C-alpha atoms as a PDB file:
ATOM      1  CA  MET A   1      -8.110 -24.595  -1.323  1.00  0.00           C
ATOM      2  CA  GLU A   2     -10.403 -26.317   1.155  1.00  0.00           C
ATOM      3  CA  LEU A   3     -11.325 -25.364   4.701  1.00  0.00           C
ATOM      4  CA  ALA A   4     -13.081 -27.711   7.122  1.00  0.00           C
ATOM      5  CA  VAL A   5     -15.866 -25.987   9.054  1.00  0.00           C
ATOM      6  CA  GLU A   6     -18.800 -27.092  11.173  1.00  0.00           C
ATOM      7  CA  LYS A   7     -22.099 -25.599  12.174  1.00  0.00           C
ATOM      8  CA  ARG A   8     -21.496 -23.520  15.282  1.00  0.00           C
ATOM      9  CA  ASP A   9     -23.064 -24.241  18.666  1.00  0.00           C
ATOM     10  CA  THR A  10     -24.635 -20.860  19.372  1.00  0.00           C
ATOM     11  CA  THR A  11     -25.212 -21.780  23.037  1.00  0.00           C
ATOM     12  CA  LYS A  12     -21.474 -21.227  23.557  1.00  0.00           C
ATOM     13  CA  SER A  13     -20.291 -17.651  23.704  1.00  0.00           C
ATOM     14  CA  PRO A  14     -17.732 -16.509  21.084  1.00  0.00           C
ATOM     15  CA  LYS A  15     -15.334 -15.785  23.949  1.00  0.00           C
ATOM     16  CA  THR A  16     -15.535 -19.399  25.137  1.00  0.00           C
ATOM     17  CA  LEU A  17     -14.966 -20.701  21.613  1.00  0.00           C
ATOM     18  CA  ARG A  18     -11.892 -18.532  21.174  1.00  0.00           C
ATOM     19  CA  ARG A  19     -10.419 -19.871  24.424  1.00  0.00           C
ATOM     20  CA  GLU A  20     -10.830 -23.348  22.930  1.00  0.00           C
ATOM     21  CA  GLY A  21      -8.924 -22.341  19.786  1.00  0.00           C
ATOM     22  CA  VAL A  22     -12.078 -22.056  17.679  1.00  0.00           C
ATOM     23  CA  LEU A  23     -12.824 -19.090  15.434  1.00  0.00           C
ATOM     24  CA  PRO A  24     -16.496 -18.045  15.294  1.00  0.00           C
ATOM     25  CA  ALA A  25     -17.620 -17.288  11.745  1.00  0.00           C
ATOM     26  CA  VAL A  26     -20.647 -17.003   9.487  1.00  0.00           C
ATOM     27  CA  VAL A  27     -21.327 -17.996   5.885  1.00  0.00           C
ATOM     28  CA  TYR A  28     -23.967 -16.255   3.785  1.00  0.00           C
ATOM     29  CA  GLY A  29     -24.688 -15.436   0.170  1.00  0.00           C
ATOM     30  CA  ARG A  30     -27.234 -14.372  -2.425  1.00  0.00           C
ATOM     31  CA  LYS A  31     -29.089 -17.658  -2.082  1.00  0.00           C
ATOM     32  CA  THR A  32     -27.492 -18.880   1.152  1.00  0.00           C
ATOM     33  CA  GLU A  33     -29.113 -18.123   4.469  1.00  0.00           C
ATOM     34  CA  ALA A  34     -26.679 -16.774   7.052  1.00  0.00           C
ATOM     35  CA  THR A  35     -25.319 -19.787   8.926  1.00  0.00           C
ATOM     36  CA  PRO A  36     -23.112 -19.578  12.058  1.00  0.00           C
ATOM     37  CA  ILE A  37     -20.054 -21.802  11.632  1.00  0.00           C
ATOM     38  CA  ALA A  38     -16.859 -22.564  13.519  1.00  0.00           C
ATOM     39  CA  VAL A  39     -13.351 -23.256  12.248  1.00  0.00           C
ATOM     40  CA  ASN A  40     -10.013 -24.129  13.822  1.00  0.00           C
ATOM     41  CA  ARG A  41      -8.314 -20.762  14.314  1.00  0.00           C
ATOM     42  CA  LYS A  42      -4.768 -21.870  13.486  1.00  0.00           C
ATOM     43  CA  VAL A  43      -5.921 -23.661  10.329  1.00  0.00           C
ATOM     44  CA  PHE A  44      -7.835 -20.556   9.280  1.00  0.00           C
ATOM     45  CA  GLU A  45      -4.859 -18.254   9.911  1.00  0.00           C
ATOM     46  CA  LYS A  46      -2.611 -20.419   7.723  1.00  0.00           C
ATOM     47  CA  LEU A  47      -5.155 -20.520   4.897  1.00  0.00           C
ATOM     48  CA  PHE A  48      -5.875 -16.791   5.131  1.00  0.00           C
ATOM     49  CA  ARG A  49      -2.172 -15.950   4.739  1.00  0.00           C
ATOM     50  CA  GLN A  50      -2.165 -17.971   1.511  1.00  0.00           C
ATOM     51  CA  ALA A  51      -5.575 -17.086   0.103  1.00  0.00           C
ATOM     52  CA  GLY A  52      -6.291 -13.565   1.308  1.00  0.00           C
ATOM     53  CA  GLU A  53      -9.665 -12.091   0.380  1.00  0.00           C
ATOM     54  CA  SER A  54      -9.407 -12.662  -3.372  1.00  0.00           C
ATOM     55  CA  THR A  55      -9.211 -16.454  -3.605  1.00  0.00           C
ATOM     56  CA  VAL A  56     -12.187 -18.784  -3.859  1.00  0.00           C
ATOM     57  CA  ILE A  57     -12.027 -21.549  -1.250  1.00  0.00           C
ATOM     58  CA  THR A  58     -14.232 -24.590  -0.702  1.00  0.00           C
ATOM     59  CA  LEU A  59     -15.935 -24.956   2.664  1.00  0.00           C
ATOM     60  CA  THR A  60     -16.379 -28.579   3.703  1.00  0.00           C
ATOM     61  CA  GLY A  61     -18.245 -30.096   6.669  1.00  0.00           C
ATOM     62  CA  LEU A  62     -21.656 -28.579   5.946  1.00  0.00           C
ATOM     63  CA  PRO A  63     -24.558 -30.531   4.348  1.00  0.00           C
ATOM     64  CA  GLU A  64     -23.040 -29.582   1.006  1.00  0.00           C
ATOM     65  CA  LYS A  65     -19.713 -28.088  -0.071  1.00  0.00           C
ATOM     66  CA  LYS A  66     -19.769 -24.375  -0.723  1.00  0.00           C
ATOM     67  CA  GLN A  67     -17.449 -22.173  -2.725  1.00  0.00           C
ATOM     68  CA  ALA A  68     -16.837 -18.956  -0.865  1.00  0.00           C
ATOM     69  CA  LEU A  69     -14.666 -15.892  -0.495  1.00  0.00           C
ATOM     70  CA  ILE A  70     -13.261 -14.716   2.822  1.00  0.00           C
ATOM     71  CA  HIS A  71     -15.296 -11.536   2.846  1.00  0.00           C
ATOM     72  CA  ASP A  72     -14.211  -9.921   6.103  1.00  0.00           C
ATOM     73  CA  VAL A  73     -11.994 -10.744   9.073  1.00  0.00           C
ATOM     74  CA  ALA A  74     -12.195  -8.952  12.425  1.00  0.00           C
ATOM     75  CA  VAL A  75      -8.975  -8.947  14.456  1.00  0.00           C
ATOM     76  CA  ASP A  76      -8.098  -8.259  18.060  1.00  0.00           C
ATOM     77  CA  ALA A  77      -6.762  -4.711  18.389  1.00  0.00           C
ATOM     78  CA  VAL A  78      -4.004  -5.810  20.794  1.00  0.00           C
ATOM     79  CA  THR A  79      -2.869  -9.242  19.611  1.00  0.00           C
ATOM     80  CA  GLY A  80      -3.780  -8.936  15.934  1.00  0.00           C
ATOM     81  CA  GLU A  81      -5.322 -12.416  16.013  1.00  0.00           C
ATOM     82  CA  PRO A  82      -8.571 -13.031  14.088  1.00  0.00           C
ATOM     83  CA  ILE A  83     -11.675 -13.052  16.304  1.00  0.00           C
ATOM     84  CA  HIS A  84     -14.399 -13.466  13.656  1.00  0.00           C
ATOM     85  CA  ALA A  85     -14.686 -14.170   9.928  1.00  0.00           C
ATOM     86  CA  ASP A  86     -17.346 -13.720   7.277  1.00  0.00           C
ATOM     87  CA  PHE A  87     -17.530 -16.060   4.264  1.00  0.00           C
ATOM     88  CA  TYR A  88     -19.495 -15.079   1.167  1.00  0.00           C
ATOM     89  CA  ALA A  89     -20.946 -18.127  -0.575  1.00  0.00           C
ATOM     90  CA  ILE A  90     -20.858 -18.058  -4.376  1.00  0.00           C
ATOM     91  CA  GLU A  91     -23.605 -19.667  -6.410  1.00  0.00           C
ATOM     92  CA  LYS A  92     -22.932 -21.482  -9.667  1.00  0.00           C
ATOM     93  CA  GLY A  93     -22.833 -19.060 -12.593  1.00  0.00           C
ATOM     94  CA  GLN A  94     -22.551 -16.032 -10.308  1.00  0.00           C
ATOM     95  CA  THR A  95     -19.815 -13.475 -10.904  1.00  0.00           C
ATOM     96  CA  VAL A  96     -18.060 -11.697  -8.059  1.00  0.00           C
ATOM     97  CA  THR A  97     -16.647  -8.198  -7.762  1.00  0.00           C
ATOM     98  CA  VAL A  98     -13.322  -8.209  -5.960  1.00  0.00           C
ATOM     99  CA  SER A  99     -10.307  -5.923  -5.586  1.00  0.00           C
ATOM    100  CA  VAL A 100      -7.302  -8.005  -6.630  1.00  0.00           C
ATOM    101  CA  PRO A 101      -3.868  -6.820  -5.415  1.00  0.00           C
ATOM    102  CA  PHE A 102      -0.941  -6.233  -7.765  1.00  0.00           C
ATOM    103  CA  GLU A 103       2.300  -8.119  -7.242  1.00  0.00           C
ATOM    104  CA  PHE A 104       5.276  -6.239  -8.685  1.00  0.00           C
ATOM    105  CA  GLU A 105       8.117  -8.352 -10.030  1.00  0.00           C
ATOM    106  CA  GLY A 106      11.505  -7.571 -11.534  1.00  0.00           C
ATOM    107  CA  THR A 107      13.956  -4.664 -11.445  1.00  0.00           C
ATOM    108  CA  PRO A 108      13.516  -1.764 -13.892  1.00  0.00           C
ATOM    109  CA  PRO A 109      16.697  -0.982 -15.892  1.00  0.00           C
ATOM    110  CA  ALA A 110      15.705   2.694 -15.652  1.00  0.00           C
ATOM    111  CA  VAL A 111      16.168   2.452 -11.883  1.00  0.00           C
ATOM    112  CA  LYS A 112      19.353   0.393 -11.960  1.00  0.00           C
ATOM    113  CA  ASP A 113      21.124   2.230 -14.795  1.00  0.00           C
ATOM    114  CA  LEU A 114      19.569   5.712 -14.992  1.00  0.00           C
ATOM    115  CA  GLY A 115      18.856   6.503 -11.346  1.00  0.00           C
ATOM    116  CA  GLY A 116      15.094   6.684 -11.801  1.00  0.00           C
ATOM    117  CA  ILE A 117      12.544   5.858  -9.115  1.00  0.00           C
ATOM    118  CA  LEU A 118       9.856   3.193  -9.533  1.00  0.00           C
ATOM    119  CA  THR A 119       6.491   4.766  -8.706  1.00  0.00           C
ATOM    120  CA  LYS A 120       3.597   2.370  -8.048  1.00  0.00           C
ATOM    121  CA  VAL A 121       0.557   4.413  -9.000  1.00  0.00           C
ATOM    122  CA  MET A 122      -1.988   1.643  -8.318  1.00  0.00           C
ATOM    123  CA  HIS A 123      -1.830  -1.238  -5.853  1.00  0.00           C
ATOM    124  CA  GLU A 124      -4.986  -3.200  -6.710  1.00  0.00           C
ATOM    125  CA  LEU A 125      -7.634  -3.529  -9.394  1.00  0.00           C
ATOM    126  CA  GLU A 126     -11.348  -4.027  -8.862  1.00  0.00           C
ATOM    127  CA  MET A 127     -12.910  -6.448 -11.312  1.00  0.00           C
ATOM    128  CA  GLU A 128     -16.081  -8.405 -11.884  1.00  0.00           C
ATOM    129  CA  VAL A 129     -15.052 -11.928 -12.766  1.00  0.00           C
ATOM    130  CA  ASP A 130     -16.078 -15.568 -12.880  1.00  0.00           C
ATOM    131  CA  PRO A 131     -15.028 -17.059  -9.505  1.00  0.00           C
ATOM    132  CA  THR A 132     -13.269 -19.939 -11.250  1.00  0.00           C
ATOM    133  CA  GLU A 133     -10.956 -17.412 -12.963  1.00  0.00           C
ATOM    134  CA  LEU A 134     -10.392 -15.147  -9.974  1.00  0.00           C
ATOM    135  CA  PRO A 135      -6.613 -14.663  -9.506  1.00  0.00           C
ATOM    136  CA  GLN A 136      -5.021 -14.368  -6.080  1.00  0.00           C
ATOM    137  CA  HIS A 137      -2.991 -11.460  -7.423  1.00  0.00           C
ATOM    138  CA  ILE A 138      -2.112  -9.774 -10.719  1.00  0.00           C
ATOM    139  CA  VAL A 139       1.546  -9.896 -11.717  1.00  0.00           C
ATOM    140  CA  VAL A 140       3.067  -6.587 -12.848  1.00  0.00           C
ATOM    141  CA  ASP A 141       6.462  -7.179 -14.481  1.00  0.00           C
ATOM    142  CA  VAL A 142       8.450  -3.941 -14.172  1.00  0.00           C
ATOM    143  CA  SER A 143      11.636  -5.296 -15.760  1.00  0.00           C
ATOM    144  CA  GLY A 144      10.564  -3.733 -19.071  1.00  0.00           C
ATOM    145  CA  LEU A 145      10.790  -0.164 -17.753  1.00  0.00           C
ATOM    146  CA  ALA A 146      14.040   0.774 -19.509  1.00  0.00           C
ATOM    147  CA  THR A 147      13.726   4.557 -19.985  1.00  0.00           C
ATOM    148  CA  LEU A 148      12.652   7.433 -17.756  1.00  0.00           C
ATOM    149  CA  ASP A 149       9.485   7.814 -19.860  1.00  0.00           C
ATOM    150  CA  ASP A 150       8.314   4.178 -19.711  1.00  0.00           C
ATOM    151  CA  GLN A 151       4.986   3.291 -18.092  1.00  0.00           C
ATOM    152  CA  ILE A 152       2.873   0.195 -17.466  1.00  0.00           C
ATOM    153  CA  LYS A 153      -0.857   0.640 -18.049  1.00  0.00           C
ATOM    154  CA  ILE A 154      -3.905  -1.507 -17.314  1.00  0.00           C
ATOM    155  CA  LYS A 155      -4.002  -2.602 -20.954  1.00  0.00           C
ATOM    156  CA  ASP A 156      -0.485  -4.048 -20.589  1.00  0.00           C
ATOM    157  CA  LEU A 157      -1.560  -6.510 -17.873  1.00  0.00           C
ATOM    158  CA  LYS A 158      -2.706 -10.080 -18.299  1.00  0.00           C
ATOM    159  CA  LEU A 159      -6.239 -10.291 -16.890  1.00  0.00           C
ATOM    160  CA  PRO A 160      -8.729 -13.200 -16.750  1.00  0.00           C
ATOM    161  CA  ALA A 161     -10.816 -13.599 -19.916  1.00  0.00           C
ATOM    162  CA  SER A 162     -14.077 -12.999 -18.004  1.00  0.00           C
ATOM    163  CA  ALA A 163     -12.807  -9.933 -16.136  1.00  0.00           C
ATOM    164  CA  LYS A 164     -14.765  -6.695 -16.459  1.00  0.00           C
ATOM    165  CA  ILE A 165     -13.170  -3.525 -15.106  1.00  0.00           C
ATOM    166  CA  SER A 166     -14.576  -0.034 -14.639  1.00  0.00           C
ATOM    167  CA  VAL A 167     -11.310   1.926 -14.963  1.00  0.00           C
ATOM    168  CA  ASP A 168      -9.879   3.117 -18.278  1.00  0.00           C
ATOM    169  CA  SER A 169      -7.402   0.723 -19.892  1.00  0.00           C
ATOM    170  CA  ASP A 170      -4.959   3.633 -20.262  1.00  0.00           C
ATOM    171  CA  GLU A 171      -4.748   4.144 -16.488  1.00  0.00           C
ATOM    172  CA  VAL A 172      -1.115   3.992 -15.340  1.00  0.00           C
ATOM    173  CA  VAL A 173      -0.183   1.216 -12.922  1.00  0.00           C
ATOM    174  CA  ALA A 174       3.548   1.913 -12.575  1.00  0.00           C
ATOM    175  CA  MET A 175       5.999   4.435 -13.995  1.00  0.00           C
ATOM    176  CA  ILE A 176       9.496   5.809 -13.636  1.00  0.00           C
ATOM    177  CA  SER A 177       9.928   9.113 -11.831  1.00  0.00           C
ATOM    178  CA  VAL A 178      12.990  11.355 -11.737  1.00  0.00           C
ATOM    179  CA  ALA A 179      14.359  12.338  -8.349  1.00  0.00           C
ATOM    180  CA  GLU A 180      14.031  16.065  -7.714  1.00  0.00           C
ATOM    181  CA  GLU A 181      17.146  17.915  -6.618  1.00  0.00           C
ATOM    182  CA  GLU A 182      16.923  19.386  -3.153  1.00  0.00           C
ATOM    183  CA  PRO A 183      16.926  23.206  -3.215  1.00  0.00           C
ATOM    184  CA  VAL A 184      20.138  24.823  -1.987  1.00  0.00           C
ATOM    185  CA  GLU A 185      19.492  26.904   1.102  1.00  0.00           C
ATOM    186  CA  ALA A 186      20.793  30.478   1.006  1.00  0.00           C
ATOM    187  CA  ALA A 187      23.583  31.320   3.455  1.00  0.00           C
ATOM    188  CA  PRO A 188      22.291  33.147   6.543  1.00  0.00           C
ATOM    189  CA  VAL A 189      22.765  36.924   6.499  1.00  0.00           C
ATOM    190  CA  ASP A 190      25.128  38.318   9.158  1.00  0.00           C
ATOM    191  CA  LEU A 191      22.906  40.991  10.704  1.00  0.00           C
ATOM    192  CA  SER A 192      25.621  42.097  13.129  1.00  0.00           C
ATOM    193  CA  ALA A 193      27.787  43.178  10.212  1.00  0.00           C
ATOM    194  CA  ILE A 194      24.940  45.304   8.834  1.00  0.00           C
ATOM    195  CA  GLU A 195      24.387  46.962  12.221  1.00  0.00           C
ATOM    196  CA  ILE A 196      28.109  47.767  12.590  1.00  0.00           C
ATOM    197  CA  SER A 197      28.188  49.214   9.074  1.00  0.00           C
ATOM    198  CA  GLU A 198      25.135  51.395   9.782  1.00  0.00           C
ATOM    199  CA  GLU A 199      26.655  52.698  13.061  1.00  0.00           C
ATOM    200  CA  ARG A 200      29.930  53.495  11.311  1.00  0.00           C
ATOM    201  CA  GLY A 201      28.056  55.438   8.619  1.00  0.00           C
ATOM    202  CA  LYS A 202      26.197  57.479  11.221  1.00  0.00           C
ATOM    203  CA  LYS A 203      29.447  58.384  13.040  1.00  0.00           C
ATOM    204  CA  GLU A 204      31.094  59.465   9.801  1.00  0.00           C
ATOM    205  CA  GLU A 205      28.104  61.676   8.953  1.00  0.00           C
ATOM    206  CA  GLU A 206      28.167  63.220  12.439  1.00  0.00           C
ATOM    207  CA  GLY A 207      31.916  63.878  12.105  1.00  0.00           C
ATOM    208  CA  GLU A 208      31.471  65.682   8.791  1.00  0.00           C
ATOM    209  CA  ASP A 209      28.695  67.898  10.232  1.00  0.00           C
ATOM    210  CA  GLY A 210      30.875  68.872  13.216  1.00  0.00           C
ATOM    211  CA  ALA A 211      33.809  69.821  10.971  1.00  0.00           C
ATOM    212  CA  ASP A 212      31.607  72.125   8.923  1.00  0.00           C
ATOM    213  CA  ALA A 213      30.024  73.731  11.975  1.00  0.00           C
ATOM    214  CA  ALA A 214      33.308  74.739  13.696  1.00  0.00           C
ATOM    215  CA  PRO A 215      34.656  77.139  11.015  1.00  0.00           C
ATOM    216  CA  ALA A 216      31.244  78.751  10.707  1.00  0.00           C
ATOM    217  CA  ALA A 217      31.248  79.552  14.419  1.00  0.00           C
ATOM    218  CA  GLU A 218      34.755  81.047  14.198  1.00  0.00           C
ATOM    219  CA  LYS A 219      33.816  83.385  11.326  1.00  0.00           C
ATOM    220  CA  LYS A 220      30.832  84.675  13.299  1.00  0.00           C
ATOM    221  CA  GLU A 221      33.092  85.735  16.142  1.00  0.00           C
END
């Protein structure tokens, strides 16, 4: 992917540039001095939707072409439109460390036939990799999850040959979970019935005491 840029006129305020449809940006790197640049905002938005932050793009329009990653994009809190972008220039032979998102594909038979739930344990993987081999995303095919015990681990994924990762290859990326049954709520206790029963018991006890007391009084007389 290529993106046409030009050296930015720093005498113009970023606000003025944005009104003109221009996105203020900067490109820098290990051996590249920070350089203010400008790019057509609509062109950038289209490319960013396709490339994201894990695709190497080629910046044209400068004294020499530069391979770079879109390192950071600031957006307007209200409109969501980009207001500034940072590009990280990559030197020849330099590796980059990037978090590459997973893209889940397929339908697990364990979900379709057994009522399981697909649980995505991880959503991205950080790797150090040669920029020329950097994938836009890593495909995770879940169509092989046929039983409730099946899992997909890091070691099951197809990664670039130059990729170096810091997580264990046995880390789980996706698995099948079993839906838990909702606990049955106990029926509410009728407290009024208990109160009536207690009152009835007290009256019966009082009645028995009165019956015993009457004959005793008569004998005394």
